[in-house]
Amino acid sequence: MPEDDYASELVTVELDWADLDEPYRRNITRRQLGQLLLQLDDMAETTASQ
């Protein structure tokens, strides 16, 4: 896979809240982002049902 194609598949995820000194940033693939979003959705559903 050409390097440009690989780079276009990466996204930056940034988490930030008051207790952090600086935002938490990581580059992940679009596939990893999809899996992360599914996990967060499952967590939200579990929390809502409690």
C-alpha atoms as a PDB file:
ATOM      1  CA  MET A   1       0.000   0.000   0.000  1.00  0.00           C
ATOM      2  CA  PRO A   2       1.474   3.377  -0.909  1.00  0.00           C
ATOM      3  CA  GLU A   3       2.325   5.585   2.052  1.00  0.00           C
ATOM      4  CA  ASP A   4      -0.218   8.243   1.018  1.00  0.00           C
ATOM      5  CA  ASP A   5      -3.036   5.667   1.084  1.00  0.00           C
ATOM      6  CA  TYR A   6      -1.975   4.535   4.546  1.00  0.00           C
ATOM      7  CA  ALA A   7      -1.864   8.095   5.861  1.00  0.00           C
ATOM      8  CA  SER A   8      -5.356   8.797   4.574  1.00  0.00           C
ATOM      9  CA  GLU A   9      -6.636   5.860   6.643  1.00  0.00           C
ATOM     10  CA  LEU A  10      -5.407   7.388   9.906  1.00  0.00           C
ATOM     11  CA  VAL A  11      -7.504   9.660  12.074  1.00  0.00           C
ATOM     12  CA  THR A  12      -6.551  11.500  15.253  1.00  0.00           C
ATOM     13  CA  VAL A  13      -8.647  10.837  18.343  1.00  0.00           C
ATOM     14  CA  GLU A  14      -8.422  13.468  21.072  1.00  0.00           C
ATOM     15  CA  LEU A  15      -9.798  13.184  24.587  1.00  0.00           C
ATOM     16  CA  ASP A  16      -9.786  16.160  26.898  1.00  0.00           C
ATOM     17  CA  TRP A  17     -11.306  16.937  30.265  1.00  0.00           C
ATOM     18  CA  ALA A  18     -10.600  19.274  33.176  1.00  0.00           C
ATOM     19  CA  ASP A  19      -8.208  16.981  35.096  1.00  0.00           C
ATOM     20  CA  LEU A  20      -5.812  16.464  32.194  1.00  0.00           C
ATOM     21  CA  ASP A  21      -2.761  18.678  31.873  1.00  0.00           C
ATOM     22  CA  GLU A  22      -2.980  18.336  28.094  1.00  0.00           C
ATOM     23  CA  PRO A  23      -5.299  16.526  25.679  1.00  0.00           C
ATOM     24  CA  TYR A  24      -4.755  12.797  25.130  1.00  0.00           C
ATOM     25  CA  ARG A  25      -4.215  12.277  21.388  1.00  0.00           C
ATOM     26  CA  ARG A  26      -3.658   9.100  19.409  1.00  0.00           C
ATOM     27  CA  ASN A  27      -3.608   8.306  15.713  1.00  0.00           C
ATOM     28  CA  ILE A  28      -5.682   5.251  14.887  1.00  0.00           C
ATOM     29  CA  THR A  29      -6.995   3.668  11.713  1.00  0.00           C
ATOM     30  CA  ARG A  30     -10.536   4.202  10.515  1.00  0.00           C
ATOM     31  CA  ARG A  31     -11.247   0.559  11.334  1.00  0.00           C
ATOM     32  CA  GLN A  32     -10.028   1.034  14.915  1.00  0.00           C
ATOM     33  CA  LEU A  33     -12.178   4.165  15.168  1.00  0.00           C
ATOM     34  CA  GLY A  34     -15.225   2.179  14.094  1.00  0.00           C
ATOM     35  CA  GLN A  35     -14.518  -0.470  16.740  1.00  0.00           C
ATOM     36  CA  LEU A  36     -14.003   2.208  19.381  1.00  0.00           C
ATOM     37  CA  LEU A  37     -17.292   3.890  18.521  1.00  0.00           C
ATOM     38  CA  LEU A  38     -19.129   0.555  18.752  1.00  0.00           C
ATOM     39  CA  GLN A  39     -17.619  -0.051  22.202  1.00  0.00           C
ATOM     40  CA  LEU A  40     -18.640   3.418  23.363  1.00  0.00           C
ATOM     41  CA  ASP A  41     -22.161   2.843  22.058  1.00  0.00           C
ATOM     42  CA  ASP A  42     -22.369  -0.441  23.986  1.00  0.00           C
ATOM     43  CA  MET A  43     -21.104   1.287  27.132  1.00  0.00           C
ATOM     44  CA  ALA A  44     -23.706   4.049  26.761  1.00  0.00           C
ATOM     45  CA  GLU A  45     -26.463   1.480  26.303  1.00  0.00           C
ATOM     46  CA  THR A  46     -25.344  -0.412  29.431  1.00  0.00           C
ATOM     47  CA  THR A  47     -25.202   2.795  31.449  1.00  0.00           C
ATOM     48  CA  ALA A  48     -28.650   3.878  30.273  1.00  0.00           C
ATOM     49  CA  SER A  49     -30.172   0.549  31.301  1.00  0.00           C
ATOM     50  CA  GLN A  50     -28.803   0.742  34.869  1.00  0.00           C
END
